[in-house]
Amino acid sequence: MEPDVHQTVAARLRAAAQRYTANRRALVEALWDAGHPLTIHELLAVRRDVPQSSAYRTLAILEQVGVVRRVVTNEEFTRFELDEELTEHHHHLICSNCGAVDDVSIASELERSVERALNRVARRTGFTAVSHRLDLMGTCRNCA
């Protein structure tokens, strides 16, 4: 894991008058190592040393300070991943059958085209765009 990620996380927590505790560090490292969105149950399976009650509170705080973001699927569990500012910009393939989530990156030319199209929509509607997320819903290879 890159040291500047820990520095960024610590700075975001400090700005919100929060500390970068061992449990918070453990969950950030688990999400980094996974490289894809995880449910809280998957996180706890990887980090058995983090109590479940602490994990819920920790993820809520990390989400509030912009370290973690939710990936919403149609399954019963929310998935969590590190914010793109800590990793890289990407999109998701979400299986509407089993809830699996895969990260995907698209060619930079296509990404720029998507960004231009979204900016045109924002301008036309008077909306101030900050970023975008593109989730493709469908059926994964295992469920097809």
C-alpha atoms as a PDB file:
ATOM      1  CA  MET A   1       0.000   0.000   0.000  1.00  0.00           C
ATOM      2  CA  GLU A   2       1.271   3.435  -0.884  1.00  0.00           C
ATOM      3  CA  PRO A   3       2.302   5.524   2.157  1.00  0.00           C
ATOM      4  CA  ASP A   4       0.676   8.676   0.760  1.00  0.00           C
ATOM      5  CA  VAL A   5      -2.709   6.920   0.942  1.00  0.00           C
ATOM      6  CA  HIS A   6      -2.302   6.636   4.719  1.00  0.00           C
ATOM      7  CA  GLN A   7      -1.239  10.281   4.857  1.00  0.00           C
ATOM      8  CA  THR A   8      -4.292  11.354   2.861  1.00  0.00           C
ATOM      9  CA  VAL A   9      -6.643   9.277   5.010  1.00  0.00           C
ATOM     10  CA  ALA A  10      -5.079  10.644   8.207  1.00  0.00           C
ATOM     11  CA  ALA A  11      -5.405  14.221   6.914  1.00  0.00           C
ATOM     12  CA  ARG A  12      -9.075  13.776   5.981  1.00  0.00           C
ATOM     13  CA  LEU A  13      -9.841  12.297   9.384  1.00  0.00           C
ATOM     14  CA  ARG A  14      -7.886  15.037  11.172  1.00  0.00           C
ATOM     15  CA  ALA A  15      -9.868  17.703   9.263  1.00  0.00           C
ATOM     16  CA  ALA A  16     -13.031  16.147  10.722  1.00  0.00           C
ATOM     17  CA  ALA A  17     -11.521  15.997  14.238  1.00  0.00           C
ATOM     18  CA  GLN A  18     -11.146  12.211  13.992  1.00  0.00           C
ATOM     19  CA  ARG A  19      -8.143   9.969  14.626  1.00  0.00           C
ATOM     20  CA  TYR A  20      -6.672   7.354  12.294  1.00  0.00           C
ATOM     21  CA  THR A  21      -7.158   4.422  14.649  1.00  0.00           C
ATOM     22  CA  ALA A  22      -5.911   0.859  14.221  1.00  0.00           C
ATOM     23  CA  ASN A  23      -9.368  -0.361  13.179  1.00  0.00           C
ATOM     24  CA  ARG A  24      -9.709   2.404  10.589  1.00  0.00           C
ATOM     25  CA  ARG A  25      -6.248   1.613   9.227  1.00  0.00           C
ATOM     26  CA  ALA A  26      -7.103  -2.110   9.109  1.00  0.00           C
ATOM     27  CA  LEU A  27     -10.264  -1.514   7.053  1.00  0.00           C
ATOM     28  CA  VAL A  28      -8.515   0.924   4.689  1.00  0.00           C
ATOM     29  CA  GLU A  29      -5.758  -1.647   4.120  1.00  0.00           C
ATOM     30  CA  ALA A  30      -8.295  -4.450   3.570  1.00  0.00           C
ATOM     31  CA  LEU A  31     -10.115  -2.383   0.946  1.00  0.00           C
ATOM     32  CA  TRP A  32      -6.819  -1.468  -0.722  1.00  0.00           C
ATOM     33  CA  ASP A  33      -5.657  -5.078  -0.794  1.00  0.00           C
ATOM     34  CA  ALA A  34      -8.993  -6.352  -2.140  1.00  0.00           C
ATOM     35  CA  GLY A  35      -8.904  -4.032  -5.124  1.00  0.00           C
ATOM     36  CA  HIS A  36     -12.690  -4.270  -5.559  1.00  0.00           C
ATOM     37  CA  PRO A  37     -15.784  -3.393  -3.534  1.00  0.00           C
ATOM     38  CA  LEU A  38     -16.447  -5.590  -0.485  1.00  0.00           C
ATOM     39  CA  THR A  39     -19.465  -6.177   1.718  1.00  0.00           C
ATOM     40  CA  ILE A  40     -19.029  -5.644   5.436  1.00  0.00           C
ATOM     41  CA  HIS A  41     -19.129  -9.426   5.877  1.00  0.00           C
ATOM     42  CA  GLU A  42     -16.287  -9.844   3.380  1.00  0.00           C
ATOM     43  CA  LEU A  43     -14.303  -7.132   5.164  1.00  0.00           C
ATOM     44  CA  LEU A  44     -14.798  -8.833   8.519  1.00  0.00           C
ATOM     45  CA  ALA A  45     -13.751 -12.187   7.054  1.00  0.00           C
ATOM     46  CA  VAL A  46     -10.469 -10.594   5.990  1.00  0.00           C
ATOM     47  CA  ARG A  47      -9.993  -8.559   9.185  1.00  0.00           C
ATOM     48  CA  ARG A  48     -11.206 -10.820  11.961  1.00  0.00           C
ATOM     49  CA  ASP A  49      -9.498  -8.535  14.498  1.00  0.00           C
ATOM     50  CA  VAL A  50     -12.024  -5.732  13.834  1.00  0.00           C
ATOM     51  CA  PRO A  51     -15.267  -6.088  15.837  1.00  0.00           C
ATOM     52  CA  GLN A  52     -18.422  -5.923  13.725  1.00  0.00           C
ATOM     53  CA  SER A  53     -19.876  -3.000  15.674  1.00  0.00           C
ATOM     54  CA  SER A  54     -16.645  -1.071  15.214  1.00  0.00           C
ATOM     55  CA  ALA A  55     -16.573  -1.874  11.490  1.00  0.00           C
ATOM     56  CA  TYR A  56     -20.003  -0.309  10.926  1.00  0.00           C
ATOM     57  CA  ARG A  57     -19.042   2.870  12.822  1.00  0.00           C
ATOM     58  CA  THR A  58     -15.649   3.003  11.127  1.00  0.00           C
ATOM     59  CA  LEU A  59     -17.076   2.685   7.616  1.00  0.00           C
ATOM     60  CA  ALA A  60     -19.651   5.391   8.361  1.00  0.00           C
ATOM     61  CA  ILE A  61     -16.923   7.782   9.495  1.00  0.00           C
ATOM     62  CA  LEU A  62     -14.633   6.892   6.586  1.00  0.00           C
ATOM     63  CA  GLU A  63     -17.514   7.524   4.211  1.00  0.00           C
ATOM     64  CA  GLN A  64     -18.299  10.903   5.825  1.00  0.00           C
ATOM     65  CA  VAL A  65     -14.713  12.121   5.371  1.00  0.00           C
ATOM     66  CA  GLY A  66     -14.478  10.932   1.756  1.00  0.00           C
ATOM     67  CA  VAL A  67     -12.175   7.946   2.202  1.00  0.00           C
ATOM     68  CA  VAL A  68     -14.727   5.234   1.458  1.00  0.00           C
ATOM     69  CA  ARG A  69     -17.710   5.206  -0.854  1.00  0.00           C
ATOM     70  CA  ARG A  70     -20.701   2.894  -1.143  1.00  0.00           C
ATOM     71  CA  VAL A  71     -21.406   0.852  -4.229  1.00  0.00           C
ATOM     72  CA  VAL A  72     -25.123   0.199  -4.336  1.00  0.00           C
ATOM     73  CA  THR A  73     -26.290  -3.074  -5.828  1.00  0.00           C
ATOM     74  CA  ASN A  74     -29.640  -4.800  -5.783  1.00  0.00           C
ATOM     75  CA  GLU A  75     -28.461  -7.362  -3.266  1.00  0.00           C
ATOM     76  CA  GLU A  76     -29.129  -7.038   0.431  1.00  0.00           C
ATOM     77  CA  PHE A  77     -25.589  -5.912   1.332  1.00  0.00           C
ATOM     78  CA  THR A  78     -23.938  -2.624   0.485  1.00  0.00           C
ATOM     79  CA  ARG A  79     -20.395  -2.869  -0.795  1.00  0.00           C
ATOM     80  CA  PHE A  80     -17.617  -0.457   0.106  1.00  0.00           C
ATOM     81  CA  GLU A  81     -14.488   0.661  -1.727  1.00  0.00           C
ATOM     82  CA  LEU A  82     -11.839   3.317  -1.315  1.00  0.00           C
ATOM     83  CA  ASP A  83     -12.636   6.656  -2.895  1.00  0.00           C
ATOM     84  CA  GLU A  84     -11.246   7.090  -6.410  1.00  0.00           C
ATOM     85  CA  GLU A  85      -8.987   9.914  -5.252  1.00  0.00           C
ATOM     86  CA  LEU A  86      -7.085   7.268  -3.287  1.00  0.00           C
ATOM     87  CA  THR A  87      -7.005   4.693  -6.088  1.00  0.00           C
ATOM     88  CA  GLU A  88      -7.981   5.418  -9.693  1.00  0.00           C
ATOM     89  CA  HIS A  89     -11.069   6.375 -11.657  1.00  0.00           C
ATOM     90  CA  HIS A  90     -13.090   3.334 -12.694  1.00  0.00           C
ATOM     91  CA  HIS A  91     -16.589   2.062 -13.328  1.00  0.00           C
ATOM     92  CA  HIS A  92     -18.523  -1.016 -12.199  1.00  0.00           C
ATOM     93  CA  LEU A  93     -20.168  -4.056 -13.719  1.00  0.00           C
ATOM     94  CA  ILE A  94     -22.912  -5.077 -11.288  1.00  0.00           C
ATOM     95  CA  CYS A  95     -24.644  -8.431 -11.591  1.00  0.00           C
ATOM     96  CA  SER A  96     -28.363  -7.975 -11.007  1.00  0.00           C
ATOM     97  CA  ASN A  97     -28.663 -11.661 -10.151  1.00  0.00           C
ATOM     98  CA  CYS A  98     -25.935 -12.361  -7.567  1.00  0.00           C
ATOM     99  CA  GLY A  99     -24.805  -8.807  -6.719  1.00  0.00           C
ATOM    100  CA  ALA A 100     -21.176  -9.345  -7.755  1.00  0.00           C
ATOM    101  CA  VAL A 101     -19.315  -6.133  -8.560  1.00  0.00           C
ATOM    102  CA  ASP A 102     -16.312  -5.900 -10.858  1.00  0.00           C
ATOM    103  CA  ASP A 103     -14.259  -2.766 -11.394  1.00  0.00           C
ATOM    104  CA  VAL A 104     -13.575  -1.808 -14.998  1.00  0.00           C
ATOM    105  CA  SER A 105     -11.622   0.966 -16.629  1.00  0.00           C
ATOM    106  CA  ILE A 106     -12.434   2.208 -20.097  1.00  0.00           C
ATOM    107  CA  ALA A 107     -10.103   3.591 -22.736  1.00  0.00           C
ATOM    108  CA  SER A 108      -9.058   7.176 -22.026  1.00  0.00           C
ATOM    109  CA  GLU A 109     -10.561   8.405 -25.320  1.00  0.00           C
ATOM    110  CA  LEU A 110     -13.935   6.900 -24.418  1.00  0.00           C
ATOM    111  CA  GLU A 111     -13.661   8.269 -20.860  1.00  0.00           C
ATOM    112  CA  ARG A 112     -13.085  11.776 -22.242  1.00  0.00           C
ATOM    113  CA  SER A 113     -16.087  11.347 -24.560  1.00  0.00           C
ATOM    114  CA  VAL A 114     -18.308  10.274 -21.649  1.00  0.00           C
ATOM    115  CA  GLU A 115     -17.040  13.218 -19.592  1.00  0.00           C
ATOM    116  CA  ARG A 116     -17.816  15.689 -22.419  1.00  0.00           C
ATOM    117  CA  ALA A 117     -21.326  14.255 -22.862  1.00  0.00           C
ATOM    118  CA  LEU A 118     -22.028  14.462 -19.140  1.00  0.00           C
ATOM    119  CA  ASN A 119     -20.700  18.034 -18.989  1.00  0.00           C
ATOM    120  CA  ARG A 120     -23.058  19.014 -21.855  1.00  0.00           C
ATOM    121  CA  VAL A 121     -25.998  17.529 -19.942  1.00  0.00           C
ATOM    122  CA  ALA A 122     -24.916  19.373 -16.796  1.00  0.00           C
ATOM    123  CA  ARG A 123     -24.608  22.720 -18.612  1.00  0.00           C
ATOM    124  CA  ARG A 124     -27.960  22.282 -20.357  1.00  0.00           C
ATOM    125  CA  THR A 125     -29.723  21.572 -17.054  1.00  0.00           C
ATOM    126  CA  GLY A 126     -27.845  24.100 -14.917  1.00  0.00           C
ATOM    127  CA  PHE A 127     -26.304  21.304 -12.866  1.00  0.00           C
ATOM    128  CA  THR A 128     -22.797  21.657 -11.435  1.00  0.00           C
ATOM    129  CA  ALA A 129     -21.004  18.363 -12.031  1.00  0.00           C
ATOM    130  CA  VAL A 130     -18.217  17.264  -9.707  1.00  0.00           C
ATOM    131  CA  SER A 131     -17.595  13.709 -10.855  1.00  0.00           C
ATOM    132  CA  HIS A 132     -19.391  10.778 -12.394  1.00  0.00           C
ATOM    133  CA  ARG A 133     -20.008   7.107 -11.760  1.00  0.00           C
ATOM    134  CA  LEU A 134     -20.984   4.652 -14.432  1.00  0.00           C
ATOM    135  CA  ASP A 135     -22.442   1.342 -13.306  1.00  0.00           C
ATOM    136  CA  LEU A 136     -23.433  -1.205 -15.906  1.00  0.00           C
ATOM    137  CA  MET A 137     -26.164  -3.500 -14.610  1.00  0.00           C
ATOM    138  CA  GLY A 138     -26.587  -6.949 -16.086  1.00  0.00           C
ATOM    139  CA  THR A 139     -25.729 -10.587 -15.562  1.00  0.00           C
ATOM    140  CA  CYS A 140     -22.217 -11.764 -14.751  1.00  0.00           C
ATOM    141  CA  ARG A 141     -20.513 -14.675 -16.494  1.00  0.00           C
ATOM    142  CA  ASN A 142     -21.262 -17.052 -13.593  1.00  0.00           C
ATOM    143  CA  CYS A 143     -24.988 -16.269 -13.620  1.00  0.00           C
ATOM    144  CA  ALA A 144     -25.463 -16.131 -17.410  1.00  0.00           C
END
